[in-house]
Amino acid sequence: MKTIKTLGTSNEQTTCCCCGKSGLALTVVLEINGEVTYFGRDCAGAALTGKKSGTSAKIASGRAAAVDFVNRNLGKATLEKVLAVAYNRFGYSVSLDGGKAVVA
């Protein structure tokens, strides 16, 4: 069974580790069974939901946006407030893993 965590987005890596597509506008950072990978939205959605579709790509993007929001706002408000705003805005429960936000 795979353990997948969403770690946010990256613009430093613009090639999908899954399909090899390059020049991606948005790369979703996933940790799969402890290994950090960089996927395009479609492949990240497929990894998270088991199928490639527009809906699964939106899920991957939403999870990554929630993590990015929490990471950007840590220290600007109480942790509880930041996590609550992230949940209300994006619909995903974000937690901290080693001081960094993740959606498991």
PDB file of N, CA and C in Angstrom:
ATOM      1  N   MET A   1       0.835  -1.175   0.000  1.00  0.00           N
ATOM      2  CA  MET A   1       0.000   0.000   0.000  1.00  0.00           C
ATOM      3  C   MET A   1       0.885   1.245   0.000  1.00  0.00           C
ATOM      4  N   LYS A   2       0.566   2.199  -0.879  1.00  0.00           N
ATOM      5  CA  LYS A   2       1.331   3.435  -0.973  1.00  0.00           C
ATOM      6  C   LYS A   2       0.920   4.417   0.115  1.00  0.00           C
ATOM      7  N   THR A   3       1.907   5.107   0.654  1.00  0.00           N
ATOM      8  CA  THR A   3       1.671   6.232   1.544  1.00  0.00           C
ATOM      9  C   THR A   3       2.061   7.477   0.770  1.00  0.00           C
ATOM     10  N   ILE A   4       1.092   8.369   0.555  1.00  0.00           N
ATOM     11  CA  ILE A   4       1.343   9.572  -0.235  1.00  0.00           C
ATOM     12  C   ILE A   4       1.036  10.796   0.603  1.00  0.00           C
ATOM     13  N   LYS A   5       1.997  11.721   0.640  1.00  0.00           N
ATOM     14  CA  LYS A   5       1.814  13.012   1.290  1.00  0.00           C
ATOM     15  C   LYS A   5       2.010  14.091   0.237  1.00  0.00           C
ATOM     16  N   THR A   6       1.177  15.122   0.301  1.00  0.00           N
ATOM     17  CA  THR A   6       1.349  16.278  -0.574  1.00  0.00           C
ATOM     18  C   THR A   6       2.194  17.295   0.170  1.00  0.00           C
ATOM     19  N   LEU A   7       3.303  17.721  -0.439  1.00  0.00           N
ATOM     20  CA  LEU A   7       4.247  18.628   0.209  1.00  0.00           C
ATOM     21  C   LEU A   7       4.182  20.052  -0.338  1.00  0.00           C
ATOM     22  N   GLY A   8       3.342  20.292  -1.336  1.00  0.00           N
ATOM     23  CA  GLY A   8       3.195  21.628  -1.893  1.00  0.00           C
ATOM     24  C   GLY A   8       3.512  21.653  -3.374  1.00  0.00           C
ATOM     25  N   THR A   9       3.992  22.820  -3.842  1.00  0.00           N
ATOM     26  CA  THR A   9       4.339  22.985  -5.245  1.00  0.00           C
ATOM     27  C   THR A   9       5.789  23.442  -5.360  1.00  0.00           C
ATOM     28  N   SER A  10       6.312  23.336  -6.572  1.00  0.00           N
ATOM     29  CA  SER A  10       7.672  23.783  -6.832  1.00  0.00           C
ATOM     30  C   SER A  10       7.727  24.366  -8.232  1.00  0.00           C
ATOM     31  N   ASN A  11       8.479  25.443  -8.385  1.00  0.00           N
ATOM     32  CA  ASN A  11       8.742  25.936  -9.732  1.00  0.00           C
ATOM     33  C   ASN A  11      10.214  25.737 -10.094  1.00  0.00           C
ATOM     34  N   GLU A  12      10.939  25.085  -9.196  1.00  0.00           N
ATOM     35  CA  GLU A  12      12.344  24.770  -9.468  1.00  0.00           C
ATOM     36  C   GLU A  12      12.468  23.531 -10.348  1.00  0.00           C
ATOM     37  N   GLN A  13      11.606  22.569 -10.154  1.00  0.00           N
ATOM     38  CA  GLN A  13      11.568  21.334 -10.942  1.00  0.00           C
ATOM     39  C   GLN A  13      10.370  21.462 -11.883  1.00  0.00           C
ATOM     40  N   THR A  14      10.595  21.476 -13.196  1.00  0.00           N
ATOM     41  CA  THR A  14       9.495  21.667 -14.147  1.00  0.00           C
ATOM     42  C   THR A  14       9.277  20.461 -15.055  1.00  0.00           C
ATOM     43  N   THR A  15       9.825  19.321 -14.654  1.00  0.00           N
ATOM     44  CA  THR A  15       9.629  18.081 -15.402  1.00  0.00           C
ATOM     45  C   THR A  15       8.935  17.067 -14.513  1.00  0.00           C
ATOM     46  N   CYS A  16       7.922  16.408 -15.050  1.00  0.00           N
ATOM     47  CA  CYS A  16       7.170  15.398 -14.295  1.00  0.00           C
ATOM     48  C   CYS A  16       7.995  14.119 -14.186  1.00  0.00           C
ATOM     49  N   CYS A  17       8.183  13.641 -12.950  1.00  0.00           N
ATOM     50  CA  CYS A  17       8.921  12.398 -12.711  1.00  0.00           C
ATOM     51  C   CYS A  17       8.134  11.171 -13.152  1.00  0.00           C
ATOM     52  N   CYS A  18       6.849  11.332 -13.365  1.00  0.00           N
ATOM     53  CA  CYS A  18       5.995  10.206 -13.746  1.00  0.00           C
ATOM     54  C   CYS A  18       5.994   9.987 -15.260  1.00  0.00           C
ATOM     55  N   CYS A  19       5.629  11.037 -16.013  1.00  0.00           N
ATOM     56  CA  CYS A  19       5.478  10.884 -17.464  1.00  0.00           C
ATOM     57  C   CYS A  19       6.599  11.526 -18.270  1.00  0.00           C
ATOM     58  N   GLY A  20       7.433  12.355 -17.627  1.00  0.00           N
ATOM     59  CA  GLY A  20       8.547  12.987 -18.307  1.00  0.00           C
ATOM     60  C   GLY A  20       8.228  14.291 -19.009  1.00  0.00           C
ATOM     61  N   LYS A  21       6.981  14.732 -18.964  1.00  0.00           N
ATOM     62  CA  LYS A  21       6.619  16.001 -19.597  1.00  0.00           C
ATOM     63  C   LYS A  21       7.428  17.131 -18.956  1.00  0.00           C
ATOM     64  N   SER A  22       7.945  18.040 -19.803  1.00  0.00           N
ATOM     65  CA  SER A  22       8.782  19.117 -19.286  1.00  0.00           C
ATOM     66  C   SER A  22       8.137  20.473 -19.546  1.00  0.00           C
ATOM     67  N   GLY A  23       8.686  21.502 -18.921  1.00  0.00           N
ATOM     68  CA  GLY A  23       8.163  22.848 -19.080  1.00  0.00           C
ATOM     69  C   GLY A  23       6.847  23.073 -18.364  1.00  0.00           C
ATOM     70  N   LEU A  24       6.627  22.338 -17.272  1.00  0.00           N
ATOM     71  CA  LEU A  24       5.364  22.442 -16.546  1.00  0.00           C
ATOM     72  C   LEU A  24       5.245  23.785 -15.836  1.00  0.00           C
ATOM     73  N   ALA A  25       4.061  24.365 -15.880  1.00  0.00           N
ATOM     74  CA  ALA A  25       3.792  25.631 -15.190  1.00  0.00           C
ATOM     75  C   ALA A  25       3.681  25.403 -13.687  1.00  0.00           C
ATOM     76  N   LEU A  26       3.211  24.228 -13.284  1.00  0.00           N
ATOM     77  CA  LEU A  26       3.031  23.908 -11.872  1.00  0.00           C
ATOM     78  C   LEU A  26       3.456  22.468 -11.635  1.00  0.00           C
ATOM     79  N   THR A  27       4.347  22.271 -10.704  1.00  0.00           N
ATOM     80  CA  THR A  27       4.785  20.930 -10.326  1.00  0.00           C
ATOM     81  C   THR A  27       4.339  20.673  -8.895  1.00  0.00           C
ATOM     82  N   VAL A  28       3.633  19.577  -8.681  1.00  0.00           N
ATOM     83  CA  VAL A  28       3.158  19.188  -7.360  1.00  0.00           C
ATOM     84  C   VAL A  28       4.208  18.277  -6.734  1.00  0.00           C
ATOM     85  N   VAL A  29       4.598  18.603  -5.503  1.00  0.00           N
ATOM     86  CA  VAL A  29       5.608  17.813  -4.804  1.00  0.00           C
ATOM     87  C   VAL A  29       4.885  16.793  -3.930  1.00  0.00           C
ATOM     88  N   LEU A  30       5.143  15.529  -4.195  1.00  0.00           N
ATOM     89  CA  LEU A  30       4.548  14.435  -3.427  1.00  0.00           C
ATOM     90  C   LEU A  30       5.659  13.640  -2.759  1.00  0.00           C
ATOM     91  N   GLU A  31       5.340  13.088  -1.605  1.00  0.00           N
ATOM     92  CA  GLU A  31       6.219  12.116  -0.968  1.00  0.00           C
ATOM     93  C   GLU A  31       5.495  10.791  -1.038  1.00  0.00           C
ATOM     94  N   ILE A  32       6.045   9.861  -1.806  1.00  0.00           N
ATOM     95  CA  ILE A  32       5.428   8.550  -1.995  1.00  0.00           C
ATOM     96  C   ILE A  32       6.318   7.514  -1.339  1.00  0.00           C
ATOM     97  N   ASN A  33       5.784   6.883  -0.291  1.00  0.00           N
ATOM     98  CA  ASN A  33       6.547   5.895   0.473  1.00  0.00           C
ATOM     99  C   ASN A  33       7.916   6.431   0.891  1.00  0.00           C
ATOM    100  N   GLY A  34       7.941   7.693   1.329  1.00  0.00           N
ATOM    101  CA  GLY A  34       9.157   8.299   1.837  1.00  0.00           C
ATOM    102  C   GLY A  34      10.053   8.935   0.796  1.00  0.00           C
ATOM    103  N   GLU A  35       9.745   8.793  -0.492  1.00  0.00           N
ATOM    104  CA  GLU A  35      10.567   9.364  -1.562  1.00  0.00           C
ATOM    105  C   GLU A  35       9.882  10.600  -2.140  1.00  0.00           C
ATOM    106  N   VAL A  36      10.602  11.715  -2.183  1.00  0.00           N
ATOM    107  CA  VAL A  36      10.059  12.958  -2.723  1.00  0.00           C
ATOM    108  C   VAL A  36      10.083  12.898  -4.246  1.00  0.00           C
ATOM    109  N   THR A  37       8.930  13.202  -4.858  1.00  0.00           N
ATOM    110  CA  THR A  37       8.798  13.192  -6.314  1.00  0.00           C
ATOM    111  C   THR A  37       8.124  14.476  -6.770  1.00  0.00           C
ATOM    112  N   TYR A  38       8.309  14.810  -8.022  1.00  0.00           N
ATOM    113  CA  TYR A  38       7.735  16.012  -8.618  1.00  0.00           C
ATOM    114  C   TYR A  38       6.873  15.582  -9.799  1.00  0.00           C
ATOM    115  N   PHE A  39       5.582  15.847  -9.707  1.00  0.00           N
ATOM    116  CA  PHE A  39       4.633  15.442 -10.733  1.00  0.00           C
ATOM    117  C   PHE A  39       3.901  16.655 -11.275  1.00  0.00           C
ATOM    118  N   GLY A  40       3.508  16.578 -12.535  1.00  0.00           N
ATOM    119  CA  GLY A  40       2.555  17.538 -13.068  1.00  0.00           C
ATOM    120  C   GLY A  40       1.203  17.307 -12.402  1.00  0.00           C
ATOM    121  N   ARG A  41       0.285  18.266 -12.555  1.00  0.00           N
ATOM    122  CA  ARG A  41      -1.022  18.149 -11.892  1.00  0.00           C
ATOM    123  C   ARG A  41      -1.769  16.876 -12.273  1.00  0.00           C
ATOM    124  N   ASP A  42      -1.764  16.532 -13.564  1.00  0.00           N
ATOM    125  CA  ASP A  42      -2.502  15.345 -13.997  1.00  0.00           C
ATOM    126  C   ASP A  42      -1.939  14.072 -13.376  1.00  0.00           C
ATOM    127  N   CYS A  43      -0.630  13.915 -13.403  1.00  0.00           N
ATOM    128  CA  CYS A  43      -0.009  12.717 -12.832  1.00  0.00           C
ATOM    129  C   CYS A  43      -0.133  12.701 -11.310  1.00  0.00           C
ATOM    130  N   ALA A  44      -0.034  13.878 -10.671  1.00  0.00           N
ATOM    131  CA  ALA A  44      -0.229  13.947  -9.221  1.00  0.00           C
ATOM    132  C   ALA A  44      -1.653  13.545  -8.862  1.00  0.00           C
ATOM    133  N   GLY A  45      -2.609  14.022  -9.633  1.00  0.00           N
ATOM    134  CA  GLY A  45      -4.004  13.639  -9.403  1.00  0.00           C
ATOM    135  C   GLY A  45      -4.214  12.149  -9.560  1.00  0.00           C
ATOM    136  N   ALA A  46      -3.588  11.582 -10.572  1.00  0.00           N
ATOM    137  CA  ALA A  46      -3.699  10.129 -10.779  1.00  0.00           C
ATOM    138  C   ALA A  46      -3.063   9.361  -9.631  1.00  0.00           C
ATOM    139  N   ALA A  47      -1.935   9.848  -9.126  1.00  0.00           N
ATOM    140  CA  ALA A  47      -1.283   9.180  -7.991  1.00  0.00           C
ATOM    141  C   ALA A  47      -2.170   9.233  -6.751  1.00  0.00           C
ATOM    142  N   LEU A  48      -2.865  10.350  -6.567  1.00  0.00           N
ATOM    143  CA  LEU A  48      -3.701  10.521  -5.371  1.00  0.00           C
ATOM    144  C   LEU A  48      -5.042   9.807  -5.462  1.00  0.00           C
ATOM    145  N   THR A  49      -5.634   9.770  -6.653  1.00  0.00           N
ATOM    146  CA  THR A  49      -6.995   9.230  -6.775  1.00  0.00           C
ATOM    147  C   THR A  49      -7.084   7.920  -7.538  1.00  0.00           C
ATOM    148  N   GLY A  50      -6.016   7.562  -8.249  1.00  0.00           N
ATOM    149  CA  GLY A  50      -6.039   6.325  -9.019  1.00  0.00           C
ATOM    150  C   GLY A  50      -6.515   6.507 -10.448  1.00  0.00           C
ATOM    151  N   LYS A  51      -6.871   7.740 -10.854  1.00  0.00           N
ATOM    152  CA  LYS A  51      -7.276   7.962 -12.243  1.00  0.00           C
ATOM    153  C   LYS A  51      -6.889   9.365 -12.675  1.00  0.00           C
ATOM    154  N   LYS A  52      -6.607   9.496 -13.949  1.00  0.00           N
ATOM    155  CA  LYS A  52      -6.238  10.787 -14.521  1.00  0.00           C
ATOM    156  C   LYS A  52      -7.507  11.453 -15.032  1.00  0.00           C
ATOM    157  N   SER A  53      -7.838  12.579 -14.451  1.00  0.00           N
ATOM    158  CA  SER A  53      -9.006  13.345 -14.895  1.00  0.00           C
ATOM    159  C   SER A  53      -8.835  14.787 -14.464  1.00  0.00           C
ATOM    160  N   GLY A  54      -9.680  15.638 -14.983  1.00  0.00           N
ATOM    161  CA  GLY A  54      -9.654  17.034 -14.575  1.00  0.00           C
ATOM    162  C   GLY A  54      -9.945  17.195 -13.097  1.00  0.00           C
ATOM    163  N   THR A  55     -10.846  16.376 -12.595  1.00  0.00           N
ATOM    164  CA  THR A  55     -11.197  16.442 -11.172  1.00  0.00           C
ATOM    165  C   THR A  55     -10.026  16.026 -10.299  1.00  0.00           C
ATOM    166  N   SER A  56      -9.329  14.964 -10.680  1.00  0.00           N
ATOM    167  CA  SER A  56      -8.196  14.524  -9.859  1.00  0.00           C
ATOM    168  C   SER A  56      -7.058  15.547  -9.923  1.00  0.00           C
ATOM    169  N   ALA A  57      -6.883  16.220 -11.056  1.00  0.00           N
ATOM    170  CA  ALA A  57      -5.868  17.274 -11.156  1.00  0.00           C
ATOM    171  C   ALA A  57      -6.223  18.431 -10.230  1.00  0.00           C
ATOM    172  N   LYS A  58      -7.507  18.769 -10.141  1.00  0.00           N
ATOM    173  CA  LYS A  58      -7.950  19.829  -9.227  1.00  0.00           C
ATOM    174  C   LYS A  58      -7.717  19.434  -7.777  1.00  0.00           C
ATOM    175  N   ILE A  59      -7.919  18.162  -7.456  1.00  0.00           N
ATOM    176  CA  ILE A  59      -7.661  17.671  -6.097  1.00  0.00           C
ATOM    177  C   ILE A  59      -6.181  17.846  -5.770  1.00  0.00           C
ATOM    178  N   ALA A  60      -5.307  17.434  -6.674  1.00  0.00           N
ATOM    179  CA  ALA A  60      -3.863  17.567  -6.448  1.00  0.00           C
ATOM    180  C   ALA A  60      -3.476  19.033  -6.276  1.00  0.00           C
ATOM    181  N   SER A  61      -4.004  19.895  -7.133  1.00  0.00           N
ATOM    182  CA  SER A  61      -3.698  21.327  -7.037  1.00  0.00           C
ATOM    183  C   SER A  61      -4.211  21.924  -5.738  1.00  0.00           C
ATOM    184  N   GLY A  62      -5.414  21.526  -5.322  1.00  0.00           N
ATOM    185  CA  GLY A  62      -6.000  22.041  -4.086  1.00  0.00           C
ATOM    186  C   GLY A  62      -5.215  21.624  -2.855  1.00  0.00           C
ATOM    187  N   ARG A  63      -4.813  20.364  -2.814  1.00  0.00           N
ATOM    188  CA  ARG A  63      -4.013  19.888  -1.686  1.00  0.00           C
ATOM    189  C   ARG A  63      -2.689  20.637  -1.614  1.00  0.00           C
ATOM    190  N   ALA A  64      -2.043  20.811  -2.765  1.00  0.00           N
ATOM    191  CA  ALA A  64      -0.762  21.511  -2.810  1.00  0.00           C
ATOM    192  C   ALA A  64      -0.927  22.980  -2.415  1.00  0.00           C
ATOM    193  N   ALA A  65      -2.004  23.611  -2.860  1.00  0.00           N
ATOM    194  CA  ALA A  65      -2.249  25.018  -2.508  1.00  0.00           C
ATOM    195  C   ALA A  65      -2.472  25.175  -1.009  1.00  0.00           C
ATOM    196  N   ALA A  66      -3.153  24.219  -0.388  1.00  0.00           N
ATOM    197  CA  ALA A  66      -3.379  24.268   1.060  1.00  0.00           C
ATOM    198  C   ALA A  66      -2.060  24.178   1.813  1.00  0.00           C
ATOM    199  N   VAL A  67      -1.191  23.283   1.377  1.00  0.00           N
ATOM    200  CA  VAL A  67       0.124  23.128   2.017  1.00  0.00           C
ATOM    201  C   VAL A  67       0.954  24.398   1.829  1.00  0.00           C
ATOM    202  N   ASP A  68       0.973  24.930   0.618  1.00  0.00           N
ATOM    203  CA  ASP A  68       1.731  26.161   0.358  1.00  0.00           C
ATOM    204  C   ASP A  68       1.215  27.312   1.223  1.00  0.00           C
ATOM    205  N   PHE A  69      -0.103  27.419   1.363  1.00  0.00           N
ATOM    206  CA  PHE A  69      -0.698  28.469   2.192  1.00  0.00           C
ATOM    207  C   PHE A  69      -0.204  28.365   3.633  1.00  0.00           C
ATOM    208  N   VAL A  70      -0.254  27.161   4.188  1.00  0.00           N
ATOM    209  CA  VAL A  70       0.173  26.975   5.580  1.00  0.00           C
ATOM    210  C   VAL A  70       1.658  27.295   5.718  1.00  0.00           C
ATOM    211  N   ASN A  71       2.484  26.793   4.808  1.00  0.00           N
ATOM    212  CA  ASN A  71       3.928  27.068   4.888  1.00  0.00           C
ATOM    213  C   ASN A  71       4.228  28.564   4.802  1.00  0.00           C
ATOM    214  N   ARG A  72       3.504  29.291   3.951  1.00  0.00           N
ATOM    215  CA  ARG A  72       3.713  30.745   3.828  1.00  0.00           C
ATOM    216  C   ARG A  72       3.269  31.503   5.069  1.00  0.00           C
ATOM    217  N   ASN A  73       2.266  30.976   5.776  1.00  0.00           N
ATOM    218  CA  ASN A  73       1.677  31.720   6.885  1.00  0.00           C
ATOM    219  C   ASN A  73       2.093  31.242   8.265  1.00  0.00           C
ATOM    220  N   LEU A  74       2.933  30.220   8.348  1.00  0.00           N
ATOM    221  CA  LEU A  74       3.432  29.787   9.649  1.00  0.00           C
ATOM    222  C   LEU A  74       4.169  30.950  10.296  1.00  0.00           C
ATOM    223  N   GLY A  75       3.864  31.221  11.524  1.00  0.00           N
ATOM    224  CA  GLY A  75       4.512  32.298  12.247  1.00  0.00           C
ATOM    225  C   GLY A  75       3.805  33.639  12.131  1.00  0.00           C
ATOM    226  N   LYS A  76       2.857  33.769  11.198  1.00  0.00           N
ATOM    227  CA  LYS A  76       2.118  35.020  11.040  1.00  0.00           C
ATOM    228  C   LYS A  76       0.882  35.057  11.934  1.00  0.00           C
ATOM    229  N   ALA A  77       0.434  33.894  12.348  1.00  0.00           N
ATOM    230  CA  ALA A  77      -0.718  33.758  13.247  1.00  0.00           C
ATOM    231  C   ALA A  77      -0.505  32.466  14.020  1.00  0.00           C
ATOM    232  N   THR A  78      -1.389  32.180  14.953  1.00  0.00           N
ATOM    233  CA  THR A  78      -1.245  30.928  15.688  1.00  0.00           C
ATOM    234  C   THR A  78      -1.400  29.756  14.718  1.00  0.00           C
ATOM    235  N   LEU A  79      -0.749  28.665  15.039  1.00  0.00           N
ATOM    236  CA  LEU A  79      -0.826  27.479  14.193  1.00  0.00           C
ATOM    237  C   LEU A  79      -2.267  27.046  14.000  1.00  0.00           C
ATOM    238  N   GLU A  80      -3.046  27.051  15.074  1.00  0.00           N
ATOM    239  CA  GLU A  80      -4.442  26.635  14.995  1.00  0.00           C
ATOM    240  C   GLU A  80      -5.225  27.498  14.013  1.00  0.00           C
ATOM    241  N   LYS A  81      -4.974  28.809  14.042  1.00  0.00           N
ATOM    242  CA  LYS A  81      -5.662  29.745  13.146  1.00  0.00           C
ATOM    243  C   LYS A  81      -5.268  29.474  11.692  1.00  0.00           C
ATOM    244  N   VAL A  82      -3.985  29.308  11.435  1.00  0.00           N
ATOM    245  CA  VAL A  82      -3.515  29.060  10.073  1.00  0.00           C
ATOM    246  C   VAL A  82      -4.104  27.757   9.535  1.00  0.00           C
ATOM    247  N   LEU A  83      -4.099  26.696  10.342  1.00  0.00           N
ATOM    248  CA  LEU A  83      -4.660  25.413   9.906  1.00  0.00           C
ATOM    249  C   LEU A  83      -6.156  25.514   9.661  1.00  0.00           C
ATOM    250  N   ALA A  84      -6.860  26.267  10.513  1.00  0.00           N
ATOM    251  CA  ALA A  84      -8.306  26.440  10.342  1.00  0.00           C
ATOM    252  C   ALA A  84      -8.618  27.213   9.062  1.00  0.00           C
ATOM    253  N   VAL A  85      -7.867  28.270   8.801  1.00  0.00           N
ATOM    254  CA  VAL A  85      -8.083  29.047   7.576  1.00  0.00           C
ATOM    255  C   VAL A  85      -7.799  28.174   6.349  1.00  0.00           C
ATOM    256  N   ALA A  86      -6.730  27.395   6.400  1.00  0.00           N
ATOM    257  CA  ALA A  86      -6.394  26.507   5.283  1.00  0.00           C
ATOM    258  C   ALA A  86      -7.522  25.506   5.036  1.00  0.00           C
ATOM    259  N   TYR A  87      -8.068  24.933   6.101  1.00  0.00           N
ATOM    260  CA  TYR A  87      -9.162  23.973   5.940  1.00  0.00           C
ATOM    261  C   TYR A  87     -10.400  24.658   5.355  1.00  0.00           C
ATOM    262  N   ASN A  88     -10.734  25.828   5.890  1.00  0.00           N
ATOM    263  CA  ASN A  88     -11.918  26.539   5.404  1.00  0.00           C
ATOM    264  C   ASN A  88     -11.758  26.999   3.957  1.00  0.00           C
ATOM    265  N   ARG A  89     -10.558  27.402   3.582  1.00  0.00           N
ATOM    266  CA  ARG A  89     -10.328  27.917   2.234  1.00  0.00           C
ATOM    267  C   ARG A  89     -10.169  26.810   1.201  1.00  0.00           C
ATOM    268  N   PHE A  90      -9.474  25.722   1.567  1.00  0.00           N
ATOM    269  CA  PHE A  90      -9.140  24.693   0.589  1.00  0.00           C
ATOM    270  C   PHE A  90      -9.861  23.366   0.805  1.00  0.00           C
ATOM    271  N   GLY A  91     -10.366  23.137   2.024  1.00  0.00           N
ATOM    272  CA  GLY A  91     -11.097  21.902   2.292  1.00  0.00           C
ATOM    273  C   GLY A  91     -10.230  20.705   2.635  1.00  0.00           C
ATOM    274  N   TYR A  92      -8.964  20.933   2.958  1.00  0.00           N
ATOM    275  CA  TYR A  92      -8.066  19.832   3.303  1.00  0.00           C
ATOM    276  C   TYR A  92      -7.466  20.065   4.681  1.00  0.00           C
ATOM    277  N   SER A  93      -7.359  18.991   5.460  1.00  0.00           N
ATOM    278  CA  SER A  93      -6.726  19.065   6.764  1.00  0.00           C
ATOM    279  C   SER A  93      -5.221  18.978   6.573  1.00  0.00           C
ATOM    280  N   VAL A  94      -4.547  20.041   6.948  1.00  0.00           N
ATOM    281  CA  VAL A  94      -3.095  20.108   6.824  1.00  0.00           C
ATOM    282  C   VAL A  94      -2.503  19.864   8.201  1.00  0.00           C
ATOM    283  N   SER A  95      -1.413  19.114   8.242  1.00  0.00           N
ATOM    284  CA  SER A  95      -0.717  18.896   9.521  1.00  0.00           C
ATOM    285  C   SER A  95       0.753  19.226   9.307  1.00  0.00           C
ATOM    286  N   LEU A  96       1.487  19.267  10.403  1.00  0.00           N
ATOM    287  CA  LEU A  96       2.921  19.534  10.324  1.00  0.00           C
ATOM    288  C   LEU A  96       3.684  18.236  10.460  1.00  0.00           C
ATOM    289  N   ASP A  97       4.704  18.096   9.636  1.00  0.00           N
ATOM    290  CA  ASP A  97       5.586  16.933   9.677  1.00  0.00           C
ATOM    291  C   ASP A  97       7.006  17.481   9.620  1.00  0.00           C
ATOM    292  N   GLY A  98       7.691  17.449  10.742  1.00  0.00           N
ATOM    293  CA  GLY A  98       9.042  17.997  10.807  1.00  0.00           C
ATOM    294  C   GLY A  98       9.072  19.497  10.590  1.00  0.00           C
ATOM    295  N   GLY A  99       8.016  20.184  11.033  1.00  0.00           N
ATOM    296  CA  GLY A  99       7.959  21.635  10.900  1.00  0.00           C
ATOM    297  C   GLY A  99       7.439  22.133   9.572  1.00  0.00           C
ATOM    298  N   LYS A 100       7.164  21.242   8.632  1.00  0.00           N
ATOM    299  CA  LYS A 100       6.636  21.612   7.321  1.00  0.00           C
ATOM    300  C   LYS A 100       5.219  21.070   7.182  1.00  0.00           C
ATOM    301  N   ALA A 101       4.395  21.813   6.466  1.00  0.00           N
ATOM    302  CA  ALA A 101       3.008  21.418   6.272  1.00  0.00           C
ATOM    303  C   ALA A 101       2.916  20.278   5.255  1.00  0.00           C
ATOM    304  N   VAL A 102       1.977  19.356   5.482  1.00  0.00           N
ATOM    305  CA  VAL A 102       1.693  18.255   4.566  1.00  0.00           C
ATOM    306  C   VAL A 102       0.203  17.941   4.611  1.00  0.00           C
ATOM    307  N   VAL A 103      -0.283  17.374   3.528  1.00  0.00           N
ATOM    308  CA  VAL A 103      -1.610  16.759   3.527  1.00  0.00           C
ATOM    309  C   VAL A 103      -1.362  15.284   3.292  1.00  0.00           C
ATOM    310  N   ALA A 104      -1.765  14.465   4.249  1.00  0.00           N
ATOM    311  CA  ALA A 104      -1.531  13.028   4.132  1.00  0.00           C
ATOM    312  C   ALA A 104      -2.762  12.333   3.585  1.00  0.00           C
TER     313      ALA A 104
END
